[in-house]
Protein backbone atom coordinates (compact mmCIF):
# COMPACT_ATOMS: atom_id res chain seq x y z
CA MET A 1 6.04 -76.25 -20.42
CA GLU A 2 3.15 -77.56 -22.57
CA LEU A 3 3.98 -77.30 -26.25
CA ILE A 4 0.79 -78.70 -27.80
CA ARG A 5 -2.59 -79.71 -26.44
CA ALA A 6 -5.48 -81.41 -28.19
CA ASN A 7 -9.02 -81.35 -26.85
CA LYS A 8 -11.80 -83.61 -28.12
CA LEU A 9 -10.30 -84.21 -31.52
CA SER A 10 -12.59 -86.15 -33.79
CA VAL A 11 -12.52 -87.06 -37.53
CA ASP A 12 -15.67 -88.69 -38.93
CA ASP A 13 -15.50 -92.42 -37.99
CA ARG A 14 -11.67 -92.47 -37.70
CA LEU A 15 -11.02 -90.44 -34.47
CA HIS A 16 -13.24 -90.04 -31.41
CA GLY A 17 -12.74 -87.36 -28.74
CA ILE A 18 -8.95 -87.50 -28.38
CA ASP A 19 -7.35 -85.52 -25.52
CA LEU A 20 -3.57 -85.35 -25.22
CA SER A 21 -0.73 -83.00 -24.45
CA LEU A 22 3.00 -82.85 -25.24
CA ASN A 23 5.48 -81.20 -22.89
CA ALA A 24 8.88 -79.64 -23.61
CA GLY A 25 11.64 -82.23 -23.26
CA GLU A 26 9.29 -85.15 -23.94
CA VAL A 27 9.03 -87.93 -26.45
CA LEU A 28 5.39 -89.03 -26.63
CA GLY A 29 4.81 -92.31 -28.49
CA ILE A 30 1.57 -93.08 -30.33
CA ILE A 31 1.07 -96.88 -30.55
CA GLY A 32 -1.67 -99.26 -31.60
CA PRO A 33 -2.65 -101.68 -34.34
CA ASN A 34 -3.10 -100.79 -38.01
CA GLY A 35 -6.22 -98.71 -38.50
CA SER A 36 -6.39 -97.47 -34.94
CA GLY A 37 -6.12 -93.83 -35.95
CA LYS A 38 -2.45 -93.06 -35.30
CA SER A 39 -1.68 -91.31 -38.61
CA THR A 40 -4.99 -89.49 -38.59
CA LEU A 41 -4.22 -88.13 -35.17
CA LEU A 42 -0.74 -86.98 -36.15
CA ASN A 43 -2.03 -85.39 -39.33
CA CYS A 44 -4.58 -83.42 -37.28
CA LEU A 45 -1.88 -82.24 -34.89
CA ALA A 46 0.33 -81.21 -37.86
CA GLY A 47 -2.52 -79.19 -39.45
CA VAL A 48 -2.88 -81.28 -42.61
CA GLN A 49 -6.17 -83.02 -41.63
CA THR A 50 -9.42 -81.33 -40.99
CA TYR A 51 -11.01 -82.21 -37.62
CA HIS A 52 -13.51 -81.27 -35.00
CA GLY A 53 -12.16 -80.09 -31.62
CA GLN A 54 -9.35 -77.77 -30.49
CA ILE A 55 -5.62 -77.72 -30.82
CA GLU A 56 -3.46 -75.29 -28.92
CA ILE A 57 0.21 -74.62 -29.76
CA ASN A 58 2.18 -72.97 -27.00
CA GLY A 59 -1.14 -71.92 -25.52
CA THR A 60 -2.47 -70.34 -28.69
CA PRO A 61 -5.40 -71.81 -30.58
CA SER A 62 -3.94 -73.16 -33.81
CA GLN A 63 -6.47 -71.38 -35.99
CA ARG A 64 -5.09 -68.04 -34.83
CA LEU A 65 -1.63 -68.85 -36.25
CA SER A 66 -0.64 -68.09 -39.81
CA GLY A 67 0.66 -70.95 -41.93
CA ASN A 68 4.27 -69.89 -41.53
CA GLU A 69 3.85 -69.36 -37.76
CA ARG A 70 2.47 -72.82 -37.33
CA ALA A 71 5.12 -74.37 -39.61
CA ARG A 72 7.89 -72.79 -37.56
CA GLN A 73 6.51 -74.37 -34.45
CA VAL A 74 5.19 -77.80 -35.64
CA ALA A 75 6.56 -79.95 -38.45
CA LEU A 76 5.49 -83.33 -39.80
CA LEU A 77 7.64 -86.19 -41.04
CA PRO A 78 4.98 -88.35 -42.80
CA GLN A 79 5.19 -92.09 -43.39
CA THR A 80 5.97 -91.52 -47.05
CA SER A 81 7.19 -88.49 -48.87
CA GLN A 82 7.70 -87.85 -52.58
CA SER A 83 9.24 -85.07 -54.67
CA ALA A 84 7.58 -84.13 -57.93
CA TRP A 85 11.06 -83.36 -59.29
CA ALA A 86 14.34 -85.19 -58.89
CA LEU A 87 15.81 -82.56 -56.59
CA SER A 88 19.19 -82.89 -54.98
CA VAL A 89 19.36 -83.89 -51.35
CA GLU A 90 20.73 -80.44 -50.43
CA ASN A 91 17.85 -78.69 -52.21
CA ILE A 92 15.25 -80.85 -50.41
CA VAL A 93 16.77 -80.17 -46.98
CA THR A 94 16.88 -76.46 -47.84
CA LEU A 95 13.12 -76.50 -48.24
CA GLY A 96 12.93 -76.99 -44.47
CA ARG A 97 13.86 -73.29 -44.10
CA LEU A 98 10.88 -72.07 -46.12
CA PRO A 99 8.77 -71.07 -43.01
CA TRP A 100 11.71 -68.91 -41.95
CA GLY A 101 12.24 -67.25 -45.30
CA ASP A 102 15.95 -67.95 -45.44
CA GLU A 103 18.50 -70.51 -46.59
CA ASP A 104 20.66 -70.63 -43.45
CA ALA A 105 23.59 -72.80 -44.61
CA ASP A 106 24.79 -73.66 -41.10
CA LYS A 107 21.37 -75.01 -40.08
CA ILE A 108 20.99 -76.86 -43.37
CA HIS A 109 24.39 -78.48 -43.17
CA HIS A 110 23.91 -79.37 -39.51
CA ALA A 111 20.60 -81.04 -40.25
CA MET A 112 22.23 -83.15 -43.05
CA HIS A 113 24.99 -84.22 -40.63
CA GLN A 114 22.45 -85.05 -37.98
CA ALA A 115 20.44 -87.30 -40.24
CA GLY A 116 23.55 -88.91 -41.78
CA VAL A 117 22.86 -87.67 -45.38
CA TRP A 118 25.71 -85.18 -45.85
CA GLN A 119 27.62 -87.58 -48.13
CA TRP A 120 24.67 -87.59 -50.56
CA ARG A 121 24.07 -83.87 -50.63
CA LYS A 122 24.72 -83.52 -54.43
CA ARG A 123 22.86 -86.71 -55.37
CA HIS A 124 19.26 -86.63 -56.59
CA ILE A 125 16.56 -88.02 -54.28
CA ASP A 126 15.45 -90.65 -56.83
CA GLN A 127 18.92 -92.19 -56.69
CA LEU A 128 18.53 -93.21 -53.08
CA SER A 129 16.86 -96.20 -51.48
CA GLY A 130 13.64 -95.87 -49.47
CA GLY A 131 15.45 -95.85 -46.15
CA GLU A 132 17.94 -93.33 -47.35
CA GLN A 133 15.14 -91.05 -48.61
CA THR A 134 13.48 -91.28 -45.22
CA ARG A 135 16.68 -89.79 -43.65
CA VAL A 136 16.70 -86.99 -46.22
CA TRP A 137 13.11 -86.03 -45.37
CA LEU A 138 14.01 -86.12 -41.68
CA ALA A 139 16.88 -83.77 -42.41
CA ARG A 140 14.43 -81.42 -44.11
CA VAL A 141 12.34 -81.33 -40.92
CA LEU A 142 15.38 -80.86 -38.75
CA ALA A 143 16.54 -77.89 -40.82
CA GLY A 144 13.39 -76.00 -39.83
CA GLU A 145 14.11 -76.47 -36.07
CA PRO A 146 10.41 -76.81 -35.06
CA GLN A 147 9.43 -76.77 -31.41
CA VAL A 148 7.34 -79.83 -32.02
CA MET A 149 8.41 -82.62 -34.38
CA ILE A 150 5.73 -85.07 -35.45
CA ALA A 151 7.16 -88.26 -36.94
CA ASP A 152 4.90 -90.97 -38.40
CA GLU A 153 6.73 -94.32 -38.36
CA PRO A 154 10.16 -92.76 -38.92
CA VAL A 155 12.11 -96.04 -38.55
CA ALA A 156 9.85 -98.40 -40.47
CA SER A 157 12.15 -98.63 -43.51
CA LEU A 158 15.51 -98.31 -41.70
CA ASP A 159 18.06 -100.99 -40.81
CA LEU A 160 18.88 -101.72 -37.15
CA TYR A 161 21.76 -99.24 -37.00
CA TYR A 162 19.73 -96.33 -38.33
CA GLN A 163 16.66 -97.24 -36.25
CA ARG A 164 18.72 -96.64 -33.15
CA HIS A 165 20.52 -93.62 -34.66
CA ILE A 166 17.28 -91.86 -35.60
CA LEU A 167 15.50 -92.63 -32.27
CA ASP A 168 18.53 -91.44 -30.33
CA LEU A 169 18.43 -88.28 -32.46
CA LEU A 170 14.77 -87.69 -31.71
CA LYS A 171 15.40 -88.27 -28.01
CA THR A 172 18.22 -85.72 -28.01
CA TYR A 173 16.08 -83.25 -30.02
CA ALA A 174 13.34 -83.40 -27.43
CA GLY A 175 15.88 -83.08 -24.65
CA GLU A 176 16.95 -79.67 -25.97
CA GLY A 177 13.67 -78.17 -24.77
CA ARG A 178 11.55 -79.29 -27.71
CA GLY A 179 8.98 -82.04 -28.03
CA VAL A 180 8.58 -85.11 -30.26
CA LEU A 181 5.41 -87.03 -31.15
CA VAL A 182 6.25 -90.32 -32.79
CA SER A 183 4.08 -93.24 -33.96
CA ILE A 184 5.88 -96.55 -33.79
CA HIS A 185 4.93 -100.17 -34.33
CA ASP A 186 7.85 -101.74 -32.54
CA LEU A 187 6.67 -101.79 -28.89
CA ALA A 188 10.09 -102.58 -27.48
CA LEU A 189 11.51 -99.48 -29.20
CA ALA A 190 8.56 -97.49 -27.88
CA ALA A 191 9.31 -98.68 -24.32
CA ARG A 192 12.94 -97.81 -24.71
CA TYR A 193 12.73 -94.33 -26.20
CA CYS A 194 9.39 -92.79 -25.20
CA ASP A 195 8.66 -90.94 -21.94
CA ARG A 196 4.93 -91.51 -22.27
CA LEU A 197 2.75 -93.56 -24.52
CA CYS A 198 -0.75 -93.26 -25.96
CA LEU A 199 -2.24 -96.64 -26.86
CA MET A 200 -4.90 -96.26 -29.51
CA HIS A 201 -7.72 -98.62 -30.35
CA GLN A 202 -10.51 -98.05 -32.90
CA GLY A 203 -9.93 -94.29 -33.02
CA ARG A 204 -9.88 -93.78 -29.28
CA LEU A 205 -7.20 -93.46 -26.65
CA HIS A 206 -7.30 -96.81 -24.86
CA ARG A 207 -4.51 -96.04 -22.27
CA THR A 208 -2.10 -93.16 -21.64
CA GLY A 209 0.87 -93.10 -19.28
CA THR A 210 4.44 -94.20 -18.85
CA PRO A 211 5.60 -97.24 -20.83
CA GLU A 212 5.31 -99.37 -17.68
CA GLN A 213 1.80 -98.24 -17.11
CA VAL A 214 0.62 -98.69 -20.71
CA LEU A 215 2.57 -101.75 -21.90
CA THR A 216 1.02 -104.39 -19.66
CA PRO A 217 0.08 -107.83 -20.92
CA ASN A 218 -3.66 -107.09 -20.22
CA HIS A 219 -3.68 -103.73 -22.07
CA LEU A 220 -1.86 -105.12 -25.07
CA ALA A 221 -4.09 -108.22 -25.26
CA GLU A 222 -7.17 -106.00 -25.17
CA VAL A 223 -5.99 -104.06 -28.22
CA PHE A 224 -3.84 -106.49 -30.26
CA ASN A 225 -5.72 -109.68 -29.40
CA VAL A 226 -2.54 -111.62 -28.69
CA GLU A 227 -0.72 -112.66 -25.57
CA VAL A 228 2.37 -110.53 -25.01
CA HIS A 229 5.44 -111.10 -22.91
CA VAL A 230 6.47 -107.96 -21.11
CA ASP A 231 9.68 -107.59 -19.04
CA PHE A 232 10.73 -104.20 -17.69
CA SER A 233 13.31 -105.73 -15.34
CA VAL A 234 15.91 -105.78 -18.15
CA TRP A 235 17.23 -103.00 -20.36
CA PRO A 236 16.16 -102.48 -23.02
CA PRO A 237 12.69 -103.79 -22.06
CA ILE A 238 11.34 -106.86 -23.74
CA ILE A 239 7.93 -106.62 -25.38
CA GLN A 240 7.10 -109.52 -27.70
CA PRO A 241 4.24 -111.89 -28.64
CA ARG A 242 4.19 -115.16 -26.78
């Protein structure tokens, strides 16, 4: 089942005619160098960036959905998040239930356990490290149980253990009949966790397909301008500059 579809998305000089779709049960990775348009694309799909083109959510044009209807179906975990007030972790995660108009304690507590932040539930967000705060904001998104989770570099500030923990979590989340769109710089992690990849270059989709189809030495050299060693004969795959 197709959860979200974008047709001819464009944003000034940052995005040019992007077509993509996300299916239920799928982790779709958005990769590419800095400035290639990854965050702009994700912000368009999340409804926080104006654009030209069309986005459909579960077959319905996004402009026909109310703000709450869209928020119940699609949620964004941005690269950076800030709170204007030093709220407690539990209060921040509770905000994830706003589109539903409730404070379902079971869902809130489950989200905190999933993201590994339960032990900090009474602490204030400004008392946590950057990586710890990232997990709190992830718990906020999880509490809303969106059909589509959009995560912009969710593991950039995390240590090795929590990189794997969070990506395993996103994989499981998609496997429950939902979908995950994730931008990620680490190409080896992208090869390991994503079902399909969109390789972006200068605001355009350069290649789309399975990790094996997209992560070839030629494709990566075209976009990143470096020689890359690629080995899918081992697990996890090896993707690294020569």
